[in-house]
């Protein structure tokens, strides 16, 4: 009995955690593609034709993400997220190298993100920045098996991975909760109701001993004889007295 009560409390706690911690997905683009939310951004991992070897130039990658952005990484946590999810998307593929939305800016003489985002984080391979490529031909790619970045040729190199990125629409996300979240909450509530029913059943059985059916055993109500019947009973008793 006590273990069932503990399970009941645990399920209630799970519902609370789901409601508080799971991210909303309603703010991601609704363009028919699969977008995965992470913090305040959304990511689309381009699959391509599964029966063909992927091969994307930098211009190909930008075309696939037209209207959105090529992958930009602003923290170690985001870098790890991309690595972890890449292993789920491209399970049986050779090591995937993903184009980053980065290029060499001749004005600052540094690698910079497209759309003029600040470079707040980097994870370069040792010696990668010493590339002898021409300055205007420097782009960047991420090795999803190591998480390291390298300088590659914008014009000549071909990579086998593309990830598009977009900012979440915060207002839309507030209006449209995640379908996954809703389903999990509903399933949790159903489980709680089921456990509650079992706890109630066992509690009733414990109280009534022989089973819950005993609690509902039919007993005819006591009827007080009416006046005529009372007189008849008294007369019979009188006659039978010696």
Protein backbone atom coordinates (compact mmCIF):
# COMPACT_ATOMS: atom_id res chain seq x y z
CA UNK A 1 0.00 0.00 0.00
CA UNK A 2 2.74 2.43 0.98
CA UNK A 3 4.69 1.71 -2.23
CA UNK A 4 1.60 2.48 -4.31
CA UNK A 5 1.17 5.79 -2.53
CA UNK A 6 4.82 6.60 -3.26
CA UNK A 7 4.25 5.75 -6.94
CA UNK A 8 1.26 8.06 -6.96
CA UNK A 9 3.33 10.93 -5.58
CA UNK A 10 6.14 10.21 -8.06
CA UNK A 11 3.76 10.41 -11.02
CA UNK A 12 2.43 13.75 -9.80
CA UNK A 13 6.01 15.02 -9.57
CA UNK A 14 6.75 13.79 -13.11
CA UNK A 15 3.79 15.76 -14.48
CA UNK A 16 5.10 18.88 -12.75
CA UNK A 17 8.60 18.38 -14.18
CA UNK A 18 7.25 17.83 -17.70
CA UNK A 19 5.15 20.97 -17.53
CA UNK A 20 8.03 23.10 -16.27
CA UNK A 21 11.10 21.78 -18.09
CA UNK A 22 10.14 20.54 -21.56
CA UNK A 23 10.68 23.16 -24.25
CA UNK A 24 7.93 24.56 -26.41
CA UNK A 25 8.18 23.73 -30.12
CA UNK A 26 5.45 26.03 -31.38
CA UNK A 27 7.97 28.78 -32.22
CA UNK A 28 9.80 26.81 -34.91
CA UNK A 29 9.16 27.39 -38.64
CA UNK A 30 6.08 25.63 -40.06
CA UNK A 31 7.45 24.98 -43.55
CA UNK A 32 6.79 21.22 -43.68
CA UNK A 33 10.29 20.27 -42.56
CA UNK A 34 11.27 18.82 -39.20
CA UNK A 35 12.72 21.43 -36.85
CA UNK A 36 14.21 20.61 -33.46
CA UNK A 37 14.08 23.28 -30.73
CA UNK A 38 17.03 23.95 -28.44
CA UNK A 39 16.83 26.90 -26.07
CA UNK A 40 15.62 29.84 -28.18
CA UNK A 41 16.73 28.40 -31.55
CA UNK A 42 15.42 25.79 -34.01
CA UNK A 43 17.49 23.36 -36.11
CA UNK A 44 16.77 21.42 -39.28
CA UNK A 45 19.16 18.56 -40.11
CA UNK A 46 19.13 18.12 -43.90
CA UNK A 47 18.84 14.41 -44.73
CA UNK A 48 18.97 14.46 -48.54
CA UNK A 49 18.41 11.23 -50.50
CA UNK A 50 19.31 8.38 -48.15
CA UNK A 51 20.48 6.15 -51.00
CA UNK A 52 22.98 8.66 -52.31
CA UNK A 53 26.31 9.96 -51.06
CA UNK A 54 25.82 13.47 -49.73
CA UNK A 55 27.96 16.14 -51.29
CA UNK A 56 27.29 19.83 -50.68
CA UNK A 57 29.28 22.89 -51.67
CA UNK A 58 29.07 26.00 -49.51
CA UNK A 59 26.60 27.52 -52.01
CA UNK A 60 24.54 24.29 -51.97
CA UNK A 61 24.35 24.49 -48.20
CA UNK A 62 23.12 28.09 -48.29
CA UNK A 63 20.54 27.14 -50.92
CA UNK A 64 19.17 24.33 -48.72
CA UNK A 65 18.75 26.85 -45.92
CA UNK A 66 17.38 29.63 -48.10
CA UNK A 67 15.25 31.93 -45.99
CA UNK A 68 16.99 30.72 -42.83
CA UNK A 69 20.59 30.53 -41.61
CA UNK A 70 23.44 28.07 -41.85
CA UNK A 71 24.48 26.62 -38.53
CA UNK A 72 26.06 29.09 -36.11
CA UNK A 73 27.35 27.96 -32.72
CA UNK A 74 27.56 30.34 -29.80
CA UNK A 75 28.41 28.06 -26.87
CA UNK A 76 29.94 24.75 -25.86
CA UNK A 77 26.48 23.55 -24.87
CA UNK A 78 25.15 24.26 -28.36
CA UNK A 79 28.18 22.56 -29.91
CA UNK A 80 27.48 19.43 -27.83
CA UNK A 81 23.79 19.49 -28.76
CA UNK A 82 24.67 19.45 -32.47
CA UNK A 83 27.14 16.58 -32.00
CA UNK A 84 24.72 14.50 -29.93
CA UNK A 85 21.78 14.94 -32.26
CA UNK A 86 23.90 14.40 -35.38
CA UNK A 87 24.66 10.89 -34.14
CA UNK A 88 20.90 10.23 -34.06
CA UNK A 89 20.22 11.68 -37.52
CA UNK A 90 23.17 10.15 -39.37
CA UNK A 91 23.50 6.85 -37.51
CA UNK A 92 24.89 4.66 -40.29
CA UNK A 93 26.75 7.33 -42.24
CA UNK A 94 30.48 7.89 -42.47
CA UNK A 95 31.77 10.72 -40.24
CA UNK A 96 29.70 13.77 -41.12
CA UNK A 97 31.30 17.17 -41.66
CA UNK A 98 28.79 20.00 -41.46
CA UNK A 99 29.10 23.41 -43.05
CA UNK A 100 29.18 26.30 -40.58
CA UNK A 101 27.78 29.71 -41.51
CA UNK A 102 31.21 31.28 -41.16
CA UNK A 103 33.62 33.07 -43.49
CA UNK A 104 36.76 35.20 -43.41
CA UNK A 105 35.98 38.89 -43.02
CA UNK A 106 38.70 40.99 -44.69
CA UNK A 107 37.63 44.06 -42.71
CA UNK A 108 38.29 42.50 -39.31
CA UNK A 109 40.81 39.97 -40.65
CA UNK A 110 39.09 37.27 -38.63
CA UNK A 111 36.65 34.45 -39.15
CA UNK A 112 33.13 35.71 -38.52
CA UNK A 113 29.57 34.46 -38.69
CA UNK A 114 27.24 35.28 -41.51
CA UNK A 115 24.61 37.90 -40.59
CA UNK A 116 27.31 39.66 -38.54
CA UNK A 117 26.82 37.59 -35.40
CA UNK A 118 29.57 38.02 -32.81
CA UNK A 119 31.94 35.07 -32.39
CA UNK A 120 31.39 34.25 -28.71
CA UNK A 121 32.67 30.68 -28.89
CA UNK A 122 35.01 28.61 -31.06
CA UNK A 123 36.38 25.06 -31.03
CA UNK A 124 39.10 24.96 -33.67
CA UNK A 125 41.26 21.94 -34.39
CA UNK A 126 44.89 22.50 -33.46
CA UNK A 127 46.63 24.41 -36.23
CA UNK A 128 43.43 24.92 -38.23
CA UNK A 129 43.70 28.71 -38.14
CA UNK A 130 47.13 28.46 -39.77
CA UNK A 131 45.50 27.36 -43.05
CA UNK A 132 47.35 28.53 -46.18
CA UNK A 133 44.10 29.06 -48.11
CA UNK A 134 43.59 32.48 -49.65
CA UNK A 135 41.89 34.78 -47.16
CA UNK A 136 38.75 35.29 -49.28
CA UNK A 137 38.35 31.50 -49.73
CA UNK A 138 38.20 30.60 -46.04
CA UNK A 139 35.03 29.03 -44.68
CA UNK A 140 34.52 26.67 -41.74
CA UNK A 141 33.11 23.19 -41.08
CA UNK A 142 32.31 21.13 -37.99
CA UNK A 143 33.39 17.49 -37.55
CA UNK A 144 30.40 15.85 -35.82
CA UNK A 145 32.47 12.91 -34.55
CA UNK A 146 34.88 15.15 -32.60
CA UNK A 147 33.06 18.48 -32.29
CA UNK A 148 36.12 20.27 -33.67
CA UNK A 149 36.05 23.00 -36.34
CA UNK A 150 38.41 23.41 -39.29
CA UNK A 151 39.09 25.95 -42.02
CA UNK A 152 37.93 24.70 -45.44
CA UNK A 153 37.72 26.14 -48.93
CA UNK A 154 34.48 28.00 -49.67
CA UNK A 155 34.83 27.32 -53.40
CA UNK A 156 36.47 23.90 -53.72
CA UNK A 157 35.55 21.75 -50.70
CA UNK A 158 32.46 19.56 -50.55
CA UNK A 159 30.98 18.45 -47.23
CA UNK A 160 28.38 15.80 -46.44
CA UNK A 161 26.26 17.61 -43.85
CA UNK A 162 24.01 20.67 -43.70
CA UNK A 163 22.15 22.04 -40.69
CA UNK A 164 19.82 25.02 -41.00
CA UNK A 165 19.02 27.28 -38.09
CA UNK A 166 16.31 29.78 -37.18
CA UNK A 167 15.31 31.82 -34.17
CA UNK A 168 12.18 30.71 -32.35
CA UNK A 169 9.14 32.94 -32.57
CA UNK A 170 8.65 33.54 -28.84
CA UNK A 171 5.10 34.86 -29.14
CA UNK A 172 4.06 31.90 -31.29
CA UNK A 173 5.73 29.49 -28.87
CA UNK A 174 3.69 30.89 -25.99
CA UNK A 175 0.44 30.39 -27.91
CA UNK A 176 1.18 26.88 -29.13
CA UNK A 177 2.50 24.35 -26.59
CA UNK A 178 4.44 21.33 -27.75
CA UNK A 179 2.36 18.40 -29.02
CA UNK A 180 4.90 16.06 -27.40
CA UNK A 181 4.52 17.87 -24.09
CA UNK A 182 0.73 17.68 -24.30
CA UNK A 183 0.82 13.96 -25.07
CA UNK A 184 3.19 13.24 -22.19
CA UNK A 185 1.07 15.20 -19.74
CA UNK A 186 -2.09 13.37 -20.87
CA UNK A 187 -0.40 9.98 -20.52
CA UNK A 188 0.87 10.93 -17.08
CA UNK A 189 -2.60 11.99 -15.96
CA UNK A 190 -4.06 8.70 -17.24
CA UNK A 191 -1.37 6.79 -15.31
CA UNK A 192 -2.15 8.77 -12.14
CA UNK A 193 -5.86 8.00 -12.47
CA UNK A 194 -5.06 4.30 -12.93
CA UNK A 195 -2.78 4.16 -9.89
CA UNK A 196 -5.35 6.08 -7.84
CA UNK A 197 -8.02 3.54 -8.77
CA UNK A 198 -5.77 0.65 -7.68
CA UNK A 199 -4.94 2.39 -4.39
CA UNK A 200 -8.64 3.02 -3.70
CA UNK A 201 -9.55 -0.59 -4.57
CA UNK A 202 -6.90 -2.06 -2.26
CA UNK A 203 -7.83 0.38 0.50
CA UNK A 204 -11.48 -0.70 0.30
CA UNK A 205 -10.49 -4.35 0.27
CA UNK A 206 -8.30 -3.85 3.32
CA UNK A 207 -11.11 -2.13 5.25
CA UNK A 208 -13.87 -4.65 4.45
CA UNK A 209 -11.75 -7.79 4.69
CA UNK A 210 -13.44 -10.30 2.37
CA UNK A 211 -13.44 -8.11 -0.67
CA UNK A 212 -14.77 -4.94 -2.06
CA UNK A 213 -17.99 -6.64 -3.10
CA UNK A 214 -18.77 -7.12 0.59
CA UNK A 215 -19.00 -3.38 0.97
CA UNK A 216 -21.85 -3.35 -1.48
CA UNK A 217 -23.70 -6.48 -0.21
CA UNK A 218 -27.47 -6.00 -0.38
CA UNK A 219 -29.35 -5.89 2.91
CA UNK A 220 -33.17 -5.40 2.78
CA UNK A 221 -34.23 -2.32 4.70
CA UNK A 222 -35.93 -2.81 8.09
CA UNK A 223 -39.67 -2.20 7.82
CA UNK A 224 -41.80 -1.21 10.75
CA UNK A 225 -45.15 -3.13 10.61
CA UNK A 226 -48.13 -0.92 10.00
CA UNK A 227 -50.93 -0.62 12.64
CA UNK A 228 -53.15 -3.50 11.44
CA UNK A 229 -50.19 -5.88 11.23
CA UNK A 230 -49.08 -4.82 14.73
CA UNK A 231 -52.55 -5.57 16.16
CA UNK A 232 -52.61 -8.97 14.41
CA UNK A 233 -49.26 -9.89 15.88
CA UNK A 234 -50.40 -8.85 19.39
CA UNK A 235 -53.63 -10.85 19.05
CA UNK A 236 -51.74 -13.94 17.99
CA UNK A 237 -49.38 -13.54 20.92
CA UNK A 238 -52.38 -13.17 23.31
CA UNK A 239 -54.12 -16.26 21.98
CA UNK A 240 -51.01 -18.32 22.31
CA UNK A 241 -50.47 -17.32 25.95
CA UNK A 242 -51.48 -20.25 28.34
